Amino acid sequence: MTFQPRITWSSHLVRRCLFTFALPIAGLAWVLTARGTSISWTAPTIMSGTVGFLSTLAIAECIGLTMEVFDTCDLQPGVNSKHRLQSLESVTRRRRTSYSSFPRVAAGVFVAQGIGFFLAAAGTAVSGHITRRIGAQAATGVVAGILLFATILLSLVLWRFRTIQVIPDHALGTKRGSKEWSAGSEDKYWKPVVLGNPSGKMRRMNLLETGRWSRWTEIRRLNKLAKHSIT
């Protein structure tokens, strides 16, 4: 769907935004139901459980984003690019080895979890002071506001604002593209990377996907459309 020119209600970005905004809304709902003994204890209990459930899903979403952006284990350099001489088993047989995406994925998980634990430690340090100063309900409202602000920042990061070529022109039966494509096509062992059944050569990307070590930058390098980074 990222090859489609417009955002629709069925797009992954819209579904992800609706899911992420559910967490601060649930936090606000807890604030409204935690006014004291005038409201039954079941309402704030259900809302606090909903916040915990959505928080767990948010952590899982961070892992999913990391895999989506940095996982390159399905790219086969033995098919898409020429092997080094040390990796040849014989003159006629070439060994296929997968990319190792574990360092990239592990680094992304480390950054996401590190920021999360740092913010949790900071919240633990100041939560008691804020609660005693303005009250539990108002303090929870502040947390809900912070969650809403962080969700807006996340949505801006995930917004696919750039349209970048990821498939060479000649791969879809059109005219030859850049000089890098012409040079690469002279190598009989080189083949362009075409994933799935794309409807075009261009793809919309967000800020994470345009990074130097992202999956799509790696595909662009294999397709001789980028040398290093596209940022």
C-alpha atoms as a PDB file:
ATOM      1  CA  MET A   1       0.000   0.000   0.000  1.00  0.00           C
ATOM      2  CA  THR A   2       2.979   2.310   0.363  1.00  0.00           C
ATOM      3  CA  PHE A   3       3.211   2.440  -3.446  1.00  0.00           C
ATOM      4  CA  GLN A   4      -0.269   3.966  -3.659  1.00  0.00           C
ATOM      5  CA  PRO A   5      -0.295   7.715  -4.361  1.00  0.00           C
ATOM      6  CA  ARG A   6      -2.886   8.654  -1.725  1.00  0.00           C
ATOM      7  CA  ILE A   7      -3.696   7.896   1.902  1.00  0.00           C
ATOM      8  CA  THR A   8      -6.937   5.938   2.363  1.00  0.00           C
ATOM      9  CA  TRP A   9      -8.859   4.809   5.437  1.00  0.00           C
ATOM     10  CA  SER A  10      -7.575   1.275   4.855  1.00  0.00           C
ATOM     11  CA  SER A  11      -3.913   2.283   4.775  1.00  0.00           C
ATOM     12  CA  HIS A  12      -1.511   1.010   7.414  1.00  0.00           C
ATOM     13  CA  LEU A  13      -0.608   4.545   8.501  1.00  0.00           C
ATOM     14  CA  VAL A  14      -4.218   5.452   9.320  1.00  0.00           C
ATOM     15  CA  ARG A  15      -4.740   2.231  11.289  1.00  0.00           C
ATOM     16  CA  ARG A  16      -1.522   2.788  13.200  1.00  0.00           C
ATOM     17  CA  CYS A  17      -2.471   6.381  14.066  1.00  0.00           C
ATOM     18  CA  LEU A  18      -5.890   5.283  15.310  1.00  0.00           C
ATOM     19  CA  PHE A  19      -4.260   2.626  17.465  1.00  0.00           C
ATOM     20  CA  THR A  20      -1.605   4.903  18.956  1.00  0.00           C
ATOM     21  CA  PHE A  21      -4.055   7.701  19.781  1.00  0.00           C
ATOM     22  CA  ALA A  22      -6.154   5.197  21.749  1.00  0.00           C
ATOM     23  CA  LEU A  23      -3.566   5.227  24.574  1.00  0.00           C
ATOM     24  CA  PRO A  24      -3.758   8.947  25.519  1.00  0.00           C
ATOM     25  CA  ILE A  25      -7.547   8.834  25.070  1.00  0.00           C
ATOM     26  CA  ALA A  26      -7.705   5.915  27.523  1.00  0.00           C
ATOM     27  CA  GLY A  27      -5.544   7.909  29.936  1.00  0.00           C
ATOM     28  CA  LEU A  28      -7.935  10.847  29.675  1.00  0.00           C
ATOM     29  CA  ALA A  29     -10.873   8.493  30.265  1.00  0.00           C
ATOM     30  CA  TRP A  30      -9.202   7.294  33.472  1.00  0.00           C
ATOM     31  CA  VAL A  31      -8.834  10.902  34.619  1.00  0.00           C
ATOM     32  CA  LEU A  32     -12.532  11.566  34.062  1.00  0.00           C
ATOM     33  CA  THR A  33     -13.594   8.420  35.941  1.00  0.00           C
ATOM     34  CA  ALA A  34     -11.241   8.892  38.924  1.00  0.00           C
ATOM     35  CA  ARG A  35     -13.073  11.747  40.648  1.00  0.00           C
ATOM     36  CA  GLY A  36     -13.527   9.991  43.970  1.00  0.00           C
ATOM     37  CA  THR A  37     -16.203   8.058  45.842  1.00  0.00           C
ATOM     38  CA  SER A  38     -19.008   9.602  43.774  1.00  0.00           C
ATOM     39  CA  ILE A  39     -18.144   7.164  40.964  1.00  0.00           C
ATOM     40  CA  SER A  40     -18.047   3.383  41.301  1.00  0.00           C
ATOM     41  CA  TRP A  41     -14.603   1.837  41.603  1.00  0.00           C
ATOM     42  CA  THR A  42     -15.255  -0.382  38.574  1.00  0.00           C
ATOM     43  CA  ALA A  43     -14.959   2.452  36.049  1.00  0.00           C
ATOM     44  CA  PRO A  44     -11.408   3.638  36.974  1.00  0.00           C
ATOM     45  CA  THR A  45     -10.334   0.009  37.385  1.00  0.00           C
ATOM     46  CA  ILE A  46     -11.460  -0.849  33.861  1.00  0.00           C
ATOM     47  CA  MET A  47      -9.839   2.301  32.470  1.00  0.00           C
ATOM     48  CA  SER A  48      -6.528   1.633  34.248  1.00  0.00           C
ATOM     49  CA  GLY A  49      -6.561  -1.926  32.893  1.00  0.00           C
ATOM     50  CA  THR A  50      -7.193  -0.533  29.405  1.00  0.00           C
ATOM     51  CA  VAL A  51      -4.221   1.826  29.779  1.00  0.00           C
ATOM     52  CA  GLY A  52      -1.988  -1.077  30.825  1.00  0.00           C
ATOM     53  CA  PHE A  53      -3.180  -3.212  27.905  1.00  0.00           C
ATOM     54  CA  LEU A  54      -2.620  -0.426  25.374  1.00  0.00           C
ATOM     55  CA  SER A  55       0.810   0.298  26.878  1.00  0.00           C
ATOM     56  CA  THR A  56       1.809  -3.319  26.281  1.00  0.00           C
ATOM     57  CA  LEU A  57       0.563  -3.081  22.704  1.00  0.00           C
ATOM     58  CA  ALA A  58       2.570   0.135  22.269  1.00  0.00           C
ATOM     59  CA  ILE A  59       5.748  -1.697  23.286  1.00  0.00           C
ATOM     60  CA  ALA A  60       4.919  -4.453  20.802  1.00  0.00           C
ATOM     61  CA  GLU A  61       4.328  -1.783  18.141  1.00  0.00           C
ATOM     62  CA  CYS A  62       7.829  -0.401  18.763  1.00  0.00           C
ATOM     63  CA  ILE A  63       9.262  -3.872  18.140  1.00  0.00           C
ATOM     64  CA  GLY A  64       7.161  -4.192  14.993  1.00  0.00           C
ATOM     65  CA  LEU A  65       8.328  -0.798  13.712  1.00  0.00           C
ATOM     66  CA  THR A  66      11.940  -1.776  14.318  1.00  0.00           C
ATOM     67  CA  MET A  67      11.534  -5.020  12.369  1.00  0.00           C
ATOM     68  CA  GLU A  68       9.636  -3.258   9.582  1.00  0.00           C
ATOM     69  CA  VAL A  69      12.322  -0.594   9.125  1.00  0.00           C
ATOM     70  CA  PHE A  70      15.574  -2.490   9.801  1.00  0.00           C
ATOM     71  CA  ASP A  71      14.923  -6.169   9.010  1.00  0.00           C
ATOM     72  CA  THR A  72      16.952  -7.173   5.937  1.00  0.00           C
ATOM     73  CA  CYS A  73      17.275 -10.934   6.456  1.00  0.00           C
ATOM     74  CA  ASP A  74      15.170 -11.772   3.377  1.00  0.00           C
ATOM     75  CA  LEU A  75      17.515  -9.994   0.965  1.00  0.00           C
ATOM     76  CA  GLN A  76      19.791 -12.443  -0.836  1.00  0.00           C
ATOM     77  CA  PRO A  77      23.150 -10.933  -1.830  1.00  0.00           C
ATOM     78  CA  GLY A  78      23.988 -14.095  -3.775  1.00  0.00           C
ATOM     79  CA  VAL A  79      21.151 -13.242  -6.179  1.00  0.00           C
ATOM     80  CA  ASN A  80      21.157  -9.466  -6.140  1.00  0.00           C
ATOM     81  CA  SER A  81      24.871  -8.668  -6.152  1.00  0.00           C
ATOM     82  CA  LYS A  82      28.172 -10.276  -7.012  1.00  0.00           C
ATOM     83  CA  HIS A  83      29.863 -12.312  -4.307  1.00  0.00           C
ATOM     84  CA  ARG A  84      33.428 -11.850  -3.196  1.00  0.00           C
ATOM     85  CA  LEU A  85      35.866 -14.445  -4.469  1.00  0.00           C
ATOM     86  CA  GLN A  86      36.282 -15.871  -0.956  1.00  0.00           C
ATOM     87  CA  SER A  87      32.623 -16.900  -0.871  1.00  0.00           C
ATOM     88  CA  LEU A  88      32.704 -18.928  -4.106  1.00  0.00           C
ATOM     89  CA  GLU A  89      32.424 -22.664  -3.627  1.00  0.00           C
ATOM     90  CA  SER A  90      33.396 -23.372  -7.207  1.00  0.00           C
ATOM     91  CA  VAL A  91      33.541 -21.708 -10.586  1.00  0.00           C
ATOM     92  CA  THR A  92      29.969 -22.649 -11.495  1.00  0.00           C
ATOM     93  CA  ARG A  93      28.258 -22.703  -8.073  1.00  0.00           C
ATOM     94  CA  ARG A  94      27.661 -19.676  -5.896  1.00  0.00           C
ATOM     95  CA  ARG A  95      26.695 -19.752  -2.245  1.00  0.00           C
ATOM     96  CA  ARG A  96      23.629 -17.747  -1.157  1.00  0.00           C
ATOM     97  CA  THR A  97      23.913 -16.076   2.215  1.00  0.00           C
ATOM     98  CA  SER A  98      21.292 -13.899   3.885  1.00  0.00           C
ATOM     99  CA  TYR A  99      21.957 -10.477   5.280  1.00  0.00           C
ATOM    100  CA  SER A 100      22.333 -10.394   9.046  1.00  0.00           C
ATOM    101  CA  SER A 101      19.775  -7.915  10.312  1.00  0.00           C
ATOM    102  CA  PHE A 102      20.334  -8.701  13.989  1.00  0.00           C
ATOM    103  CA  PRO A 103      22.761  -5.816  14.738  1.00  0.00           C
ATOM    104  CA  ARG A 104      20.369  -3.292  13.173  1.00  0.00           C
ATOM    105  CA  VAL A 105      17.262  -4.712  14.830  1.00  0.00           C
ATOM    106  CA  ALA A 106      19.023  -5.062  18.192  1.00  0.00           C
ATOM    107  CA  ALA A 107      20.206  -1.462  18.003  1.00  0.00           C
ATOM    108  CA  GLY A 108      16.691  -0.245  17.211  1.00  0.00           C
ATOM    109  CA  VAL A 109      15.191  -2.234  20.094  1.00  0.00           C
ATOM    110  CA  PHE A 110      17.915  -0.902  22.404  1.00  0.00           C
ATOM    111  CA  VAL A 111      17.128   2.700  21.479  1.00  0.00           C
ATOM    112  CA  ALA A 112      13.363   2.238  21.869  1.00  0.00           C
ATOM    113  CA  GLN A 113      13.615   0.372  25.181  1.00  0.00           C
ATOM    114  CA  GLY A 114      16.367   2.680  26.462  1.00  0.00           C
ATOM    115  CA  ILE A 115      14.272   5.792  25.882  1.00  0.00           C
ATOM    116  CA  GLY A 116      11.259   4.069  27.440  1.00  0.00           C
ATOM    117  CA  PHE A 117      13.103   3.072  30.615  1.00  0.00           C
ATOM    118  CA  PHE A 118      14.711   6.506  30.876  1.00  0.00           C
ATOM    119  CA  LEU A 119      11.324   8.236  30.688  1.00  0.00           C
ATOM    120  CA  ALA A 120       9.872   5.722  33.162  1.00  0.00           C
ATOM    121  CA  ALA A 121      12.683   6.444  35.625  1.00  0.00           C
ATOM    122  CA  ALA A 122      12.179  10.190  35.226  1.00  0.00           C
ATOM    123  CA  GLY A 123       8.423   9.781  35.726  1.00  0.00           C
ATOM    124  CA  THR A 124       8.985   7.713  38.869  1.00  0.00           C
ATOM    125  CA  ALA A 125      11.285  10.391  40.276  1.00  0.00           C
ATOM    126  CA  VAL A 126       8.838  13.279  39.876  1.00  0.00           C
ATOM    127  CA  SER A 127       5.433  11.543  40.048  1.00  0.00           C
ATOM    128  CA  GLY A 128       5.232  11.495  43.821  1.00  0.00           C
ATOM    129  CA  HIS A 129       6.103  15.190  44.115  1.00  0.00           C
ATOM    130  CA  ILE A 130       3.577  16.192  41.437  1.00  0.00           C
ATOM    131  CA  THR A 131       0.853  14.006  42.959  1.00  0.00           C
ATOM    132  CA  ARG A 132       1.302  15.586  46.412  1.00  0.00           C
ATOM    133  CA  ARG A 133       1.337  19.058  44.915  1.00  0.00           C
ATOM    134  CA  ILE A 134      -1.649  19.013  42.511  1.00  0.00           C
ATOM    135  CA  GLY A 135      -3.464  15.775  43.356  1.00  0.00           C
ATOM    136  CA  ALA A 136      -3.661  12.317  41.787  1.00  0.00           C
ATOM    137  CA  GLN A 137      -6.350  13.150  39.240  1.00  0.00           C
ATOM    138  CA  ALA A 138      -4.610  16.271  37.930  1.00  0.00           C
ATOM    139  CA  ALA A 139      -1.247  14.467  37.854  1.00  0.00           C
ATOM    140  CA  THR A 140      -2.767  11.701  35.748  1.00  0.00           C
ATOM    141  CA  GLY A 141      -4.172  14.364  33.429  1.00  0.00           C
ATOM    142  CA  VAL A 142      -0.647  15.709  32.968  1.00  0.00           C
ATOM    143  CA  VAL A 143       0.529  12.211  32.037  1.00  0.00           C
ATOM    144  CA  ALA A 144      -2.291  11.892  29.517  1.00  0.00           C
ATOM    145  CA  GLY A 145      -1.264  15.222  27.984  1.00  0.00           C
ATOM    146  CA  ILE A 146       2.356  14.076  27.717  1.00  0.00           C
ATOM    147  CA  LEU A 147       1.187  10.851  26.049  1.00  0.00           C
ATOM    148  CA  LEU A 148      -0.867  12.843  23.563  1.00  0.00           C
ATOM    149  CA  PHE A 149       2.125  15.060  22.703  1.00  0.00           C
ATOM    150  CA  ALA A 150       4.410  12.015  22.269  1.00  0.00           C
ATOM    151  CA  THR A 151       1.785  10.333  20.068  1.00  0.00           C
ATOM    152  CA  ILE A 152       1.603  13.398  17.827  1.00  0.00           C
ATOM    153  CA  LEU A 153       5.402  13.355  17.462  1.00  0.00           C
ATOM    154  CA  LEU A 154       5.306   9.639  16.599  1.00  0.00           C
ATOM    155  CA  SER A 155       2.628  10.241  13.955  1.00  0.00           C
ATOM    156  CA  LEU A 156       4.770  12.948  12.366  1.00  0.00           C
ATOM    157  CA  VAL A 157       7.764  10.591  12.264  1.00  0.00           C
ATOM    158  CA  LEU A 158       5.668   7.825  10.668  1.00  0.00           C
ATOM    159  CA  TRP A 159       4.121  10.123   8.058  1.00  0.00           C
ATOM    160  CA  ARG A 160       5.400   9.110   4.603  1.00  0.00           C
ATOM    161  CA  PHE A 161       6.278  12.535   3.250  1.00  0.00           C
ATOM    162  CA  ARG A 162       8.919  11.636   0.632  1.00  0.00           C
ATOM    163  CA  THR A 163       8.495   9.819  -2.668  1.00  0.00           C
ATOM    164  CA  ILE A 164      11.699   7.990  -3.584  1.00  0.00           C
ATOM    165  CA  GLN A 165      12.575   5.601  -6.400  1.00  0.00           C
ATOM    166  CA  VAL A 166      13.338   2.090  -5.133  1.00  0.00           C
ATOM    167  CA  ILE A 167      13.083   0.015  -8.346  1.00  0.00           C
ATOM    168  CA  PRO A 168      15.268   0.674 -11.421  1.00  0.00           C
ATOM    169  CA  ASP A 169      13.506   1.877 -14.538  1.00  0.00           C
ATOM    170  CA  HIS A 170      14.613  -1.085 -16.639  1.00  0.00           C
ATOM    171  CA  ALA A 171      13.322  -3.610 -14.085  1.00  0.00           C
ATOM    172  CA  LEU A 172       9.709  -2.848 -15.042  1.00  0.00           C
ATOM    173  CA  GLY A 173      10.310  -2.897 -18.775  1.00  0.00           C
ATOM    174  CA  THR A 174      10.874   0.836 -19.224  1.00  0.00           C
ATOM    175  CA  LYS A 175      13.881   2.764 -20.423  1.00  0.00           C
ATOM    176  CA  ARG A 176      17.244   2.450 -18.758  1.00  0.00           C
ATOM    177  CA  GLY A 177      17.770   4.718 -15.806  1.00  0.00           C
ATOM    178  CA  SER A 178      20.942   6.037 -14.207  1.00  0.00           C
ATOM    179  CA  LYS A 179      24.534   5.435 -15.148  1.00  0.00           C
ATOM    180  CA  GLU A 180      24.826   3.122 -12.134  1.00  0.00           C
ATOM    181  CA  TRP A 181      22.072   0.942 -13.631  1.00  0.00           C
ATOM    182  CA  SER A 182      23.842   0.804 -16.989  1.00  0.00           C
ATOM    183  CA  ALA A 183      27.100  -0.160 -15.323  1.00  0.00           C
ATOM    184  CA  GLY A 184      25.434  -2.755 -13.117  1.00  0.00           C
ATOM    185  CA  SER A 185      23.504  -4.352 -15.961  1.00  0.00           C
ATOM    186  CA  GLU A 186      26.789  -5.353 -17.584  1.00  0.00           C
ATOM    187  CA  ASP A 187      27.363  -7.790 -14.714  1.00  0.00           C
ATOM    188  CA  LYS A 188      25.585 -11.033 -15.580  1.00  0.00           C
ATOM    189  CA  TYR A 189      25.378 -11.996 -11.890  1.00  0.00           C
ATOM    190  CA  TRP A 190      23.551  -8.806 -10.889  1.00  0.00           C
ATOM    191  CA  LYS A 191      19.756  -8.653 -10.729  1.00  0.00           C
ATOM    192  CA  PRO A 192      17.522  -5.852  -9.445  1.00  0.00           C
ATOM    193  CA  VAL A 193      15.566  -6.345  -6.237  1.00  0.00           C
ATOM    194  CA  VAL A 194      11.808  -6.309  -6.868  1.00  0.00           C
ATOM    195  CA  LEU A 195       9.749  -7.271  -3.798  1.00  0.00           C
ATOM    196  CA  GLY A 196       6.166  -8.427  -4.180  1.00  0.00           C
ATOM    197  CA  ASN A 197       4.099  -7.091  -7.062  1.00  0.00           C
ATOM    198  CA  PRO A 198       4.655  -3.318  -6.973  1.00  0.00           C
ATOM    199  CA  SER A 199       2.553  -0.972  -9.071  1.00  0.00           C
ATOM    200  CA  GLY A 200       5.367   1.504  -9.684  1.00  0.00           C
ATOM    201  CA  LYS A 201       9.026   2.389  -9.230  1.00  0.00           C
ATOM    202  CA  MET A 202       8.453   5.053  -6.567  1.00  0.00           C
ATOM    203  CA  ARG A 203       7.629   4.496  -2.900  1.00  0.00           C
ATOM    204  CA  ARG A 204       6.505   6.835  -0.156  1.00  0.00           C
ATOM    205  CA  MET A 205       8.819   6.772   2.881  1.00  0.00           C
ATOM    206  CA  ASN A 206       8.820   8.214   6.359  1.00  0.00           C
ATOM    207  CA  LEU A 207      11.715   9.637   8.362  1.00  0.00           C
ATOM    208  CA  LEU A 208      12.821   6.263   9.739  1.00  0.00           C
ATOM    209  CA  GLU A 209      12.785   4.516   6.373  1.00  0.00           C
ATOM    210  CA  THR A 210      15.065   7.123   4.776  1.00  0.00           C
ATOM    211  CA  GLY A 211      17.887   6.396   7.237  1.00  0.00           C
ATOM    212  CA  ARG A 212      21.219   5.026   6.073  1.00  0.00           C
ATOM    213  CA  TRP A 213      20.763   1.586   7.677  1.00  0.00           C
ATOM    214  CA  SER A 214      17.092   1.098   6.894  1.00  0.00           C
ATOM    215  CA  ARG A 215      15.696  -1.772   4.843  1.00  0.00           C
ATOM    216  CA  TRP A 216      14.670   0.390   1.888  1.00  0.00           C
ATOM    217  CA  THR A 217      18.004   2.192   1.709  1.00  0.00           C
ATOM    218  CA  GLU A 218      19.637  -1.243   1.560  1.00  0.00           C
ATOM    219  CA  ILE A 219      17.308  -2.197  -1.303  1.00  0.00           C
ATOM    220  CA  ARG A 220      18.151   1.049  -3.105  1.00  0.00           C
ATOM    221  CA  ARG A 221      21.860   0.293  -2.736  1.00  0.00           C
ATOM    222  CA  LEU A 222      21.331  -3.198  -4.154  1.00  0.00           C
ATOM    223  CA  ASN A 223      19.408  -1.638  -7.043  1.00  0.00           C
ATOM    224  CA  LYS A 224      22.280   0.815  -7.619  1.00  0.00           C
ATOM    225  CA  LEU A 225      20.031   3.789  -6.890  1.00  0.00           C
ATOM    226  CA  ALA A 226      21.913   4.941  -3.784  1.00  0.00           C
ATOM    227  CA  LYS A 227      25.528   4.749  -2.747  1.00  0.00           C
ATOM    228  CA  HIS A 228      25.239   5.529   0.951  1.00  0.00           C
ATOM    229  CA  SER A 229      22.313   7.384   2.473  1.00  0.00           C
ATOM    230  CA  ILE A 230      19.286   9.145   0.968  1.00  0.00           C
ATOM    231  CA  THR A 231      18.818  11.581   3.828  1.00  0.00           C
END
